[in-house]
């Protein structure tokens, strides 16, 4: 069944798809085909992980670089939102990351969601020579610099880790670009909730179950209260691991990060599980799909039609 013969779903919760990372060797041509299938099937967004190198029991594996991939996707697609899930602020200078985000957003016609996080996989930090120490304070500075350049376009900054003199973001970024924070840590949330538009948790942070969200949502709410922000202003989003028949596991870096049981079963069973997240107030989900190929995306569209 071709993607063009599928009816786009209608659901109050946005549904996106995370593209392949290191599940198997993949070419740009296949990555592009999967992305176009996601768009043709009526989904709302496409996401890529910002990782560089994994080493685990299966050996060394490396995905495509996230920002060049996003630039290609911005040109290849016309409608879906795009984003890194999430960009590691330590992989680039903060001003350069803001520059790349503004460029990709313009290429896409204003479809970028800027996901930001501190990064967690020490293997790639060490291999590429990025500092792994003081990740929280490094992120804190980077977040301030990035959001200021996106929202205001200029900054002078002298901090512990970064110094900028007369920095101007030209051409300017779209000032209403949504910024998403991928973290469950109370310190990270308190540092960002005054300014973030969206919050995201990876599926292992809540067991991939809607019942596991309550505690996390309280942590986000508490952080908003601490910084004087109305918690209702921050969109709640989550990544969900969905396994279809024929899936063999999609757990990149599983020995370093852990995982949770996938959402699986018959179409209506998976649809019911997805619907529960919408009913719990989740505005956007990123599906980590197994298997992740064009046929898998088309099957997910059939499931989404039931939601």
C-alpha atoms as a PDB file:
ATOM      1  CA  UNK A   1       0.000   0.000   0.000  1.00  0.00           C
ATOM      2  CA  UNK A   2       1.495   3.351  -1.004  1.00  0.00           C
ATOM      3  CA  UNK A   3       1.626   6.244   1.405  1.00  0.00           C
ATOM      4  CA  UNK A   4      -0.439   8.341  -1.000  1.00  0.00           C
ATOM      5  CA  UNK A   5      -3.392   5.975  -0.522  1.00  0.00           C
ATOM      6  CA  UNK A   6      -3.432   6.463   3.247  1.00  0.00           C
ATOM      7  CA  UNK A   7      -5.815   8.958   4.822  1.00  0.00           C
ATOM      8  CA  UNK A   8      -4.057  11.504   7.072  1.00  0.00           C
ATOM      9  CA  UNK A   9      -5.222  11.079  10.642  1.00  0.00           C
ATOM     10  CA  UNK A  10      -7.077  13.698  12.678  1.00  0.00           C
ATOM     11  CA  UNK A  11      -6.028  13.854  16.338  1.00  0.00           C
ATOM     12  CA  UNK A  12      -5.833  16.714  18.875  1.00  0.00           C
ATOM     13  CA  UNK A  13      -2.362  15.494  19.880  1.00  0.00           C
ATOM     14  CA  UNK A  14       0.423  16.024  17.352  1.00  0.00           C
ATOM     15  CA  UNK A  15       2.248  12.854  16.332  1.00  0.00           C
ATOM     16  CA  UNK A  16       5.791  12.875  15.008  1.00  0.00           C
ATOM     17  CA  UNK A  17       8.322  10.214  14.040  1.00  0.00           C
ATOM     18  CA  UNK A  18      11.983   9.938  14.985  1.00  0.00           C
ATOM     19  CA  UNK A  19      14.113   8.916  12.000  1.00  0.00           C
ATOM     20  CA  UNK A  20      16.631   6.031  12.119  1.00  0.00           C
ATOM     21  CA  UNK A  21      19.799   6.521  14.100  1.00  0.00           C
ATOM     22  CA  UNK A  22      22.055   3.450  14.414  1.00  0.00           C
ATOM     23  CA  UNK A  23      19.551   0.599  14.199  1.00  0.00           C
ATOM     24  CA  UNK A  24      21.118  -0.468  10.892  1.00  0.00           C
ATOM     25  CA  UNK A  25      23.355   1.017   8.208  1.00  0.00           C
ATOM     26  CA  UNK A  26      21.308   3.598   6.316  1.00  0.00           C
ATOM     27  CA  UNK A  27      21.870   5.949   3.391  1.00  0.00           C
ATOM     28  CA  UNK A  28      20.649   9.512   3.013  1.00  0.00           C
ATOM     29  CA  UNK A  29      18.420   8.314   0.160  1.00  0.00           C
ATOM     30  CA  UNK A  30      16.555   5.950   2.497  1.00  0.00           C
ATOM     31  CA  UNK A  31      16.427   8.558   5.276  1.00  0.00           C
ATOM     32  CA  UNK A  32      14.841  10.997   2.823  1.00  0.00           C
ATOM     33  CA  UNK A  33      12.328   8.394   1.610  1.00  0.00           C
ATOM     34  CA  UNK A  34      11.232   7.675   5.183  1.00  0.00           C
ATOM     35  CA  UNK A  35      10.880  11.401   5.889  1.00  0.00           C
ATOM     36  CA  UNK A  36       8.750  11.948   2.791  1.00  0.00           C
ATOM     37  CA  UNK A  37       6.575   8.989   3.787  1.00  0.00           C
ATOM     38  CA  UNK A  38       6.094  10.540   7.230  1.00  0.00           C
ATOM     39  CA  UNK A  39       4.940  13.753   5.571  1.00  0.00           C
ATOM     40  CA  UNK A  40       2.750  12.013   2.970  1.00  0.00           C
ATOM     41  CA  UNK A  41       1.004  10.013   5.688  1.00  0.00           C
ATOM     42  CA  UNK A  42      -0.126  13.199   7.416  1.00  0.00           C
ATOM     43  CA  UNK A  43       2.078  13.123  10.495  1.00  0.00           C
ATOM     44  CA  UNK A  44       2.980  16.402  12.163  1.00  0.00           C
ATOM     45  CA  UNK A  45       6.726  16.292  12.733  1.00  0.00           C
ATOM     46  CA  UNK A  46      10.068  14.616  12.050  1.00  0.00           C
ATOM     47  CA  UNK A  47      12.846  14.338  14.627  1.00  0.00           C
ATOM     48  CA  UNK A  48      16.511  13.321  14.606  1.00  0.00           C
ATOM     49  CA  UNK A  49      18.774  12.404  17.501  1.00  0.00           C
ATOM     50  CA  UNK A  50      21.857  14.552  18.047  1.00  0.00           C
ATOM     51  CA  UNK A  51      24.461  11.852  18.609  1.00  0.00           C
ATOM     52  CA  UNK A  52      27.856  11.146  17.110  1.00  0.00           C
ATOM     53  CA  UNK A  53      29.136   7.783  18.349  1.00  0.00           C
ATOM     54  CA  UNK A  54      27.928   4.831  20.414  1.00  0.00           C
ATOM     55  CA  UNK A  55      29.989   1.984  21.809  1.00  0.00           C
ATOM     56  CA  UNK A  56      28.200  -0.896  23.525  1.00  0.00           C
ATOM     57  CA  UNK A  57      27.992  -4.683  23.419  1.00  0.00           C
ATOM     58  CA  UNK A  58      27.311  -4.466  19.675  1.00  0.00           C
ATOM     59  CA  UNK A  59      30.470  -2.476  18.976  1.00  0.00           C
ATOM     60  CA  UNK A  60      30.920   1.049  17.635  1.00  0.00           C
ATOM     61  CA  UNK A  61      28.132   2.730  15.659  1.00  0.00           C
ATOM     62  CA  UNK A  62      27.661   6.285  14.467  1.00  0.00           C
ATOM     63  CA  UNK A  63      24.647   8.134  13.027  1.00  0.00           C
ATOM     64  CA  UNK A  64      24.513  11.040  10.578  1.00  0.00           C
ATOM     65  CA  UNK A  65      25.270  14.472  12.026  1.00  0.00           C
ATOM     66  CA  UNK A  66      22.018  16.061  13.151  1.00  0.00           C
ATOM     67  CA  UNK A  67      22.171  19.614  11.813  1.00  0.00           C
ATOM     68  CA  UNK A  68      23.287  18.779   8.275  1.00  0.00           C
ATOM     69  CA  UNK A  69      20.550  16.121   8.268  1.00  0.00           C
ATOM     70  CA  UNK A  70      17.976  18.687   9.409  1.00  0.00           C
ATOM     71  CA  UNK A  71      19.065  21.070   6.648  1.00  0.00           C
ATOM     72  CA  UNK A  72      18.521  18.315   4.076  1.00  0.00           C
ATOM     73  CA  UNK A  73      15.123  17.487   5.563  1.00  0.00           C
ATOM     74  CA  UNK A  74      14.161  21.167   5.586  1.00  0.00           C
ATOM     75  CA  UNK A  75      14.695  21.255   1.825  1.00  0.00           C
ATOM     76  CA  UNK A  76      13.157  17.848   1.100  1.00  0.00           C
ATOM     77  CA  UNK A  77       9.902  18.383   3.027  1.00  0.00           C
ATOM     78  CA  UNK A  78       7.302  21.130   2.802  1.00  0.00           C
ATOM     79  CA  UNK A  79       4.871  20.843   5.736  1.00  0.00           C
ATOM     80  CA  UNK A  80       6.077  18.873   8.777  1.00  0.00           C
ATOM     81  CA  UNK A  81       7.757  20.467  11.768  1.00  0.00           C
ATOM     82  CA  UNK A  82      11.401  19.446  12.254  1.00  0.00           C
ATOM     83  CA  UNK A  83      13.625  19.241  15.283  1.00  0.00           C
ATOM     84  CA  UNK A  84      16.596  17.704  17.059  1.00  0.00           C
ATOM     85  CA  UNK A  85      15.579  15.415  19.931  1.00  0.00           C
ATOM     86  CA  UNK A  86      17.530  17.046  21.439  1.00  0.00           C
ATOM     87  CA  UNK A  87      20.553  19.121  20.396  1.00  0.00           C
ATOM     88  CA  UNK A  88      23.492  18.674  22.768  1.00  0.00           C
ATOM     89  CA  UNK A  89      24.639  22.191  23.606  1.00  0.00           C
ATOM     90  CA  UNK A  90      28.213  20.988  24.224  1.00  0.00           C
ATOM     91  CA  UNK A  91      28.720  19.863  20.604  1.00  0.00           C
ATOM     92  CA  UNK A  92      28.905  23.456  19.294  1.00  0.00           C
ATOM     93  CA  UNK A  93      29.568  26.901  20.674  1.00  0.00           C
ATOM     94  CA  UNK A  94      26.218  28.354  21.778  1.00  0.00           C
ATOM     95  CA  UNK A  95      26.304  31.205  19.278  1.00  0.00           C
ATOM     96  CA  UNK A  96      27.098  28.785  16.457  1.00  0.00           C
ATOM     97  CA  UNK A  97      24.216  26.538  17.510  1.00  0.00           C
ATOM     98  CA  UNK A  98      21.856  29.515  17.400  1.00  0.00           C
ATOM     99  CA  UNK A  99      23.228  30.373  13.945  1.00  0.00           C
ATOM    100  CA  UNK A 100      22.618  26.829  12.665  1.00  0.00           C
ATOM    101  CA  UNK A 101      19.109  26.754  14.119  1.00  0.00           C
ATOM    102  CA  UNK A 102      18.227  30.079  12.471  1.00  0.00           C
ATOM    103  CA  UNK A 103      19.572  28.835   9.139  1.00  0.00           C
ATOM    104  CA  UNK A 104      17.702  25.510   9.204  1.00  0.00           C
ATOM    105  CA  UNK A 105      14.534  27.296  10.312  1.00  0.00           C
ATOM    106  CA  UNK A 106      14.739  29.657   7.340  1.00  0.00           C
ATOM    107  CA  UNK A 107      15.415  26.808   4.896  1.00  0.00           C
ATOM    108  CA  UNK A 108      12.309  25.060   6.209  1.00  0.00           C
ATOM    109  CA  UNK A 109      10.111  28.145   6.040  1.00  0.00           C
ATOM    110  CA  UNK A 110       9.785  28.432   9.819  1.00  0.00           C
ATOM    111  CA  UNK A 111       9.196  24.802  10.772  1.00  0.00           C
ATOM    112  CA  UNK A 112      12.011  24.180  13.269  1.00  0.00           C
ATOM    113  CA  UNK A 113      11.412  23.302  16.925  1.00  0.00           C
ATOM    114  CA  UNK A 114      14.700  23.888  18.736  1.00  0.00           C
ATOM    115  CA  UNK A 115      15.175  21.004  21.145  1.00  0.00           C
ATOM    116  CA  UNK A 116      18.019  21.531  23.620  1.00  0.00           C
ATOM    117  CA  UNK A 117      19.725  19.377  26.245  1.00  0.00           C
ATOM    118  CA  UNK A 118      23.075  18.872  27.935  1.00  0.00           C
ATOM    119  CA  UNK A 119      23.939  15.493  26.353  1.00  0.00           C
ATOM    120  CA  UNK A 120      24.585  12.297  28.292  1.00  0.00           C
ATOM    121  CA  UNK A 121      26.715   9.859  26.260  1.00  0.00           C
ATOM    122  CA  UNK A 122      30.281  10.319  27.538  1.00  0.00           C
ATOM    123  CA  UNK A 123      31.660   8.051  24.792  1.00  0.00           C
ATOM    124  CA  UNK A 124      31.046  10.656  22.106  1.00  0.00           C
ATOM    125  CA  UNK A 125      32.186  13.556  24.295  1.00  0.00           C
ATOM    126  CA  UNK A 126      35.532  11.842  24.868  1.00  0.00           C
ATOM    127  CA  UNK A 127      35.949  10.665  21.277  1.00  0.00           C
ATOM    128  CA  UNK A 128      35.270  14.085  19.752  1.00  0.00           C
ATOM    129  CA  UNK A 129      37.106  16.062  22.426  1.00  0.00           C
ATOM    130  CA  UNK A 130      34.128  17.845  23.986  1.00  0.00           C
ATOM    131  CA  UNK A 131      34.374  18.606  27.718  1.00  0.00           C
ATOM    132  CA  UNK A 132      32.148  16.373  29.842  1.00  0.00           C
ATOM    133  CA  UNK A 133      32.744  18.136  33.159  1.00  0.00           C
ATOM    134  CA  UNK A 134      30.419  20.809  34.584  1.00  0.00           C
ATOM    135  CA  UNK A 135      27.658  19.828  32.151  1.00  0.00           C
ATOM    136  CA  UNK A 136      24.980  21.680  34.105  1.00  0.00           C
ATOM    137  CA  UNK A 137      26.778  25.018  34.306  1.00  0.00           C
ATOM    138  CA  UNK A 138      27.910  24.684  30.681  1.00  0.00           C
ATOM    139  CA  UNK A 139      24.321  24.056  29.643  1.00  0.00           C
ATOM    140  CA  UNK A 140      23.049  26.928  31.791  1.00  0.00           C
ATOM    141  CA  UNK A 141      25.331  29.391  30.027  1.00  0.00           C
ATOM    142  CA  UNK A 142      24.640  27.926  26.593  1.00  0.00           C
ATOM    143  CA  UNK A 143      20.881  28.065  27.115  1.00  0.00           C
ATOM    144  CA  UNK A 144      21.005  31.728  28.115  1.00  0.00           C
ATOM    145  CA  UNK A 145      23.132  32.626  25.095  1.00  0.00           C
ATOM    146  CA  UNK A 146      21.054  30.622  22.605  1.00  0.00           C
ATOM    147  CA  UNK A 147      17.637  31.818  23.760  1.00  0.00           C
ATOM    148  CA  UNK A 148      18.808  35.429  23.939  1.00  0.00           C
ATOM    149  CA  UNK A 149      20.143  35.305  20.378  1.00  0.00           C
ATOM    150  CA  UNK A 150      16.960  33.625  19.107  1.00  0.00           C
ATOM    151  CA  UNK A 151      14.622  36.045  20.920  1.00  0.00           C
ATOM    152  CA  UNK A 152      16.624  39.300  20.833  1.00  0.00           C
ATOM    153  CA  UNK A 153      19.372  38.809  18.239  1.00  0.00           C
ATOM    154  CA  UNK A 154      22.291  40.299  20.192  1.00  0.00           C
ATOM    155  CA  UNK A 155      24.311  39.486  23.286  1.00  0.00           C
ATOM    156  CA  UNK A 156      27.478  40.378  25.151  1.00  0.00           C
ATOM    157  CA  UNK A 157      28.433  37.627  27.565  1.00  0.00           C
ATOM    158  CA  UNK A 158      31.278  36.800  29.878  1.00  0.00           C
ATOM    159  CA  UNK A 159      30.810  33.640  31.880  1.00  0.00           C
ATOM    160  CA  UNK A 160      32.757  30.736  33.247  1.00  0.00           C
ATOM    161  CA  UNK A 161      32.743  28.802  29.981  1.00  0.00           C
ATOM    162  CA  UNK A 162      31.907  31.269  27.197  1.00  0.00           C
ATOM    163  CA  UNK A 163      32.789  34.839  26.237  1.00  0.00           C
ATOM    164  CA  UNK A 164      31.060  36.773  23.446  1.00  0.00           C
ATOM    165  CA  UNK A 165      31.710  40.360  22.415  1.00  0.00           C
ATOM    166  CA  UNK A 166      29.218  42.200  20.229  1.00  0.00           C
ATOM    167  CA  UNK A 167      27.576  38.967  19.065  1.00  0.00           C
ATOM    168  CA  UNK A 168      24.759  39.599  16.569  1.00  0.00           C
ATOM    169  CA  UNK A 169      22.699  36.861  14.963  1.00  0.00           C
ATOM    170  CA  UNK A 170      22.383  37.940  11.333  1.00  0.00           C
ATOM    171  CA  UNK A 171      20.265  37.161   9.444  1.00  0.00           C
ATOM    172  CA  UNK A 172      18.063  37.191  12.541  1.00  0.00           C
ATOM    173  CA  UNK A 173      16.207  34.135  13.791  1.00  0.00           C
ATOM    174  CA  UNK A 174      12.431  33.864  13.910  1.00  0.00           C
ATOM    175  CA  UNK A 175      11.890  35.281  17.391  1.00  0.00           C
ATOM    176  CA  UNK A 176       8.882  33.040  18.098  1.00  0.00           C
ATOM    177  CA  UNK A 177      10.765  29.818  17.300  1.00  0.00           C
ATOM    178  CA  UNK A 178       9.673  27.239  19.877  1.00  0.00           C
ATOM    179  CA  UNK A 179      12.353  26.058  22.294  1.00  0.00           C
ATOM    180  CA  UNK A 180      11.949  22.565  23.737  1.00  0.00           C
ATOM    181  CA  UNK A 181      13.878  21.313  26.757  1.00  0.00           C
ATOM    182  CA  UNK A 182      14.664  17.602  26.957  1.00  0.00           C
ATOM    183  CA  UNK A 183      15.345  16.934  30.623  1.00  0.00           C
ATOM    184  CA  UNK A 184      13.717  15.506  33.740  1.00  0.00           C
ATOM    185  CA  UNK A 185      16.279  16.912  36.162  1.00  0.00           C
ATOM    186  CA  UNK A 186      14.928  19.435  38.696  1.00  0.00           C
ATOM    187  CA  UNK A 187      17.996  21.704  38.372  1.00  0.00           C
ATOM    188  CA  UNK A 188      17.782  21.727  34.571  1.00  0.00           C
ATOM    189  CA  UNK A 189      14.060  22.435  34.699  1.00  0.00           C
ATOM    190  CA  UNK A 190      14.438  25.304  37.161  1.00  0.00           C
ATOM    191  CA  UNK A 191      17.126  26.766  34.886  1.00  0.00           C
ATOM    192  CA  UNK A 192      14.911  26.662  31.788  1.00  0.00           C
ATOM    193  CA  UNK A 193      11.192  26.723  32.583  1.00  0.00           C
ATOM    194  CA  UNK A 194      11.024  30.516  32.766  1.00  0.00           C
ATOM    195  CA  UNK A 195      11.798  30.639  29.046  1.00  0.00           C
ATOM    196  CA  UNK A 196      11.034  27.252  27.433  1.00  0.00           C
ATOM    197  CA  UNK A 197       7.955  26.719  25.269  1.00  0.00           C
ATOM    198  CA  UNK A 198       7.927  22.919  25.459  1.00  0.00           C
ATOM    199  CA  UNK A 199       9.181  20.136  27.730  1.00  0.00           C
ATOM    200  CA  UNK A 200      10.076  16.619  26.611  1.00  0.00           C
ATOM    201  CA  UNK A 201      10.921  13.322  28.268  1.00  0.00           C
ATOM    202  CA  UNK A 202      12.470  10.298  26.561  1.00  0.00           C
ATOM    203  CA  UNK A 203      10.370   7.171  27.037  1.00  0.00           C
ATOM    204  CA  UNK A 204      12.614   5.521  29.618  1.00  0.00           C
ATOM    205  CA  UNK A 205      12.041   8.472  31.953  1.00  0.00           C
ATOM    206  CA  UNK A 206       8.458   7.382  32.626  1.00  0.00           C
ATOM    207  CA  UNK A 207       8.589   3.681  31.753  1.00  0.00           C
ATOM    208  CA  UNK A 208       6.912   4.286  28.357  1.00  0.00           C
ATOM    209  CA  UNK A 209       3.568   4.208  30.207  1.00  0.00           C
ATOM    210  CA  UNK A 210       1.061   6.987  30.704  1.00  0.00           C
ATOM    211  CA  UNK A 211       0.801   5.940  34.363  1.00  0.00           C
ATOM    212  CA  UNK A 212       4.453   6.879  34.810  1.00  0.00           C
ATOM    213  CA  UNK A 213       3.925  10.519  33.835  1.00  0.00           C
ATOM    214  CA  UNK A 214       2.319  11.831  37.008  1.00  0.00           C
ATOM    215  CA  UNK A 215       5.524  12.221  39.022  1.00  0.00           C
ATOM    216  CA  UNK A 216       7.382  13.812  36.112  1.00  0.00           C
ATOM    217  CA  UNK A 217       4.603  16.299  35.491  1.00  0.00           C
ATOM    218  CA  UNK A 218       4.750  17.342  39.125  1.00  0.00           C
ATOM    219  CA  UNK A 219       8.486  17.965  38.776  1.00  0.00           C
ATOM    220  CA  UNK A 220       7.828  20.218  35.762  1.00  0.00           C
ATOM    221  CA  UNK A 221       4.968  21.999  37.557  1.00  0.00           C
ATOM    222  CA  UNK A 222       7.144  22.573  40.632  1.00  0.00           C
ATOM    223  CA  UNK A 223       9.944  24.023  38.506  1.00  0.00           C
ATOM    224  CA  UNK A 224       7.473  26.432  36.877  1.00  0.00           C
ATOM    225  CA  UNK A 225       6.218  27.533  40.299  1.00  0.00           C
ATOM    226  CA  UNK A 226       9.798  28.041  41.492  1.00  0.00           C
ATOM    227  CA  UNK A 227      10.537  30.474  38.636  1.00  0.00           C
ATOM    228  CA  UNK A 228       7.132  32.202  38.649  1.00  0.00           C
ATOM    229  CA  UNK A 229       5.903  30.654  35.397  1.00  0.00           C
ATOM    230  CA  UNK A 230       2.346  29.532  34.707  1.00  0.00           C
ATOM    231  CA  UNK A 231       2.796  25.785  34.185  1.00  0.00           C
ATOM    232  CA  UNK A 232      -0.031  25.777  31.634  1.00  0.00           C
ATOM    233  CA  UNK A 233       2.169  27.848  29.294  1.00  0.00           C
ATOM    234  CA  UNK A 234       4.655  24.971  28.820  1.00  0.00           C
ATOM    235  CA  UNK A 235       3.601  22.297  26.342  1.00  0.00           C
ATOM    236  CA  UNK A 236       4.151  18.710  27.532  1.00  0.00           C
ATOM    237  CA  UNK A 237       5.641  16.313  24.978  1.00  0.00           C
ATOM    238  CA  UNK A 238       7.057  12.784  25.241  1.00  0.00           C
ATOM    239  CA  UNK A 239       8.938  10.314  23.082  1.00  0.00           C
ATOM    240  CA  UNK A 240       7.205   6.909  22.908  1.00  0.00           C
ATOM    241  CA  UNK A 241       8.751   3.604  21.899  1.00  0.00           C
ATOM    242  CA  UNK A 242       6.293   1.743  19.636  1.00  0.00           C
ATOM    243  CA  UNK A 243       7.096  -1.734  18.361  1.00  0.00           C
ATOM    244  CA  UNK A 244       5.217  -3.185  15.383  1.00  0.00           C
ATOM    245  CA  UNK A 245       5.164  -6.832  14.244  1.00  0.00           C
ATOM    246  CA  UNK A 246       8.616  -7.621  12.893  1.00  0.00           C
ATOM    247  CA  UNK A 247      10.361  -5.190  15.225  1.00  0.00           C
ATOM    248  CA  UNK A 248      13.605  -6.464  16.706  1.00  0.00           C
ATOM    249  CA  UNK A 249      14.403  -3.713  19.191  1.00  0.00           C
ATOM    250  CA  UNK A 250      15.323  -0.067  18.832  1.00  0.00           C
ATOM    251  CA  UNK A 251      17.534   0.782  21.762  1.00  0.00           C
ATOM    252  CA  UNK A 252      20.486   2.857  20.589  1.00  0.00           C
ATOM    253  CA  UNK A 253      23.139   2.950  23.283  1.00  0.00           C
ATOM    254  CA  UNK A 254      21.099   0.545  25.400  1.00  0.00           C
ATOM    255  CA  UNK A 255      23.969  -0.430  27.680  1.00  0.00           C
ATOM    256  CA  UNK A 256      24.601   3.242  28.470  1.00  0.00           C
ATOM    257  CA  UNK A 257      21.092   4.625  28.908  1.00  0.00           C
ATOM    258  CA  UNK A 258      18.619   1.847  29.655  1.00  0.00           C
ATOM    259  CA  UNK A 259      15.245   1.332  28.047  1.00  0.00           C
ATOM    260  CA  UNK A 260      11.616   0.461  28.783  1.00  0.00           C
ATOM    261  CA  UNK A 261       9.168  -2.077  27.320  1.00  0.00           C
ATOM    262  CA  UNK A 262       7.706  -0.921  23.991  1.00  0.00           C
ATOM    263  CA  UNK A 263       4.080  -0.147  23.271  1.00  0.00           C
ATOM    264  CA  UNK A 264       2.975  -3.078  21.134  1.00  0.00           C
ATOM    265  CA  UNK A 265       0.031  -5.283  20.241  1.00  0.00           C
ATOM    266  CA  UNK A 266      -2.832  -5.090  17.769  1.00  0.00           C
ATOM    267  CA  UNK A 267      -3.577  -1.823  15.981  1.00  0.00           C
ATOM    268  CA  UNK A 268      -6.459  -0.882  18.257  1.00  0.00           C
ATOM    269  CA  UNK A 269      -4.404  -1.704  21.358  1.00  0.00           C
ATOM    270  CA  UNK A 270      -1.579   0.607  20.265  1.00  0.00           C
ATOM    271  CA  UNK A 271      -4.121   3.290  19.322  1.00  0.00           C
ATOM    272  CA  UNK A 272      -5.674   3.061  22.788  1.00  0.00           C
ATOM    273  CA  UNK A 273      -2.258   3.503  24.412  1.00  0.00           C
ATOM    274  CA  UNK A 274      -1.551   6.573  22.258  1.00  0.00           C
ATOM    275  CA  UNK A 275      -4.987   8.031  22.961  1.00  0.00           C
ATOM    276  CA  UNK A 276      -4.303   7.781  26.685  1.00  0.00           C
ATOM    277  CA  UNK A 277      -1.390  10.206  26.338  1.00  0.00           C
ATOM    278  CA  UNK A 278      -3.605  12.734  24.568  1.00  0.00           C
ATOM    279  CA  UNK A 279      -6.174  12.380  27.352  1.00  0.00           C
ATOM    280  CA  UNK A 280      -3.393  12.943  29.910  1.00  0.00           C
ATOM    281  CA  UNK A 281      -2.649  16.365  28.412  1.00  0.00           C
ATOM    282  CA  UNK A 282       0.331  15.498  26.211  1.00  0.00           C
ATOM    283  CA  UNK A 283       0.268  17.843  23.218  1.00  0.00           C
ATOM    284  CA  UNK A 284       2.891  16.172  21.011  1.00  0.00           C
ATOM    285  CA  UNK A 285       4.499  12.731  20.899  1.00  0.00           C
ATOM    286  CA  UNK A 286       7.612  11.637  19.029  1.00  0.00           C
ATOM    287  CA  UNK A 287       7.286   7.997  18.026  1.00  0.00           C
ATOM    288  CA  UNK A 288      10.468   5.941  18.256  1.00  0.00           C
ATOM    289  CA  UNK A 289       9.244   3.323  15.791  1.00  0.00           C
ATOM    290  CA  UNK A 290      10.431  -0.269  15.468  1.00  0.00           C
ATOM    291  CA  UNK A 291      10.950  -1.201  12.685  1.00  0.00           C
ATOM    292  CA  UNK A 292      11.717   2.251  11.348  1.00  0.00           C
ATOM    293  CA  UNK A 293      11.268   2.117   7.576  1.00  0.00           C
ATOM    294  CA  UNK A 294       8.666   3.282   5.068  1.00  0.00           C
ATOM    295  CA  UNK A 295       6.438   0.242   5.644  1.00  0.00           C
ATOM    296  CA  UNK A 296       6.574   0.823   9.396  1.00  0.00           C
ATOM    297  CA  UNK A 297       5.578   4.477   8.959  1.00  0.00           C
ATOM    298  CA  UNK A 298       2.626   3.459   6.768  1.00  0.00           C
ATOM    299  CA  UNK A 299       1.472   0.960   9.393  1.00  0.00           C
ATOM    300  CA  UNK A 300       1.787   3.638  12.072  1.00  0.00           C
ATOM    301  CA  UNK A 301      -0.476   5.873   9.948  1.00  0.00           C
ATOM    302  CA  UNK A 302      -3.154   3.152   9.983  1.00  0.00           C
ATOM    303  CA  UNK A 303      -2.871   3.019  13.774  1.00  0.00           C
ATOM    304  CA  UNK A 304      -2.958   6.810  14.096  1.00  0.00           C
ATOM    305  CA  UNK A 305      -6.199   6.839  12.079  1.00  0.00           C
ATOM    306  CA  UNK A 306      -7.781   4.894  14.953  1.00  0.00           C
ATOM    307  CA  UNK A 307      -6.676   7.373  17.593  1.00  0.00           C
END
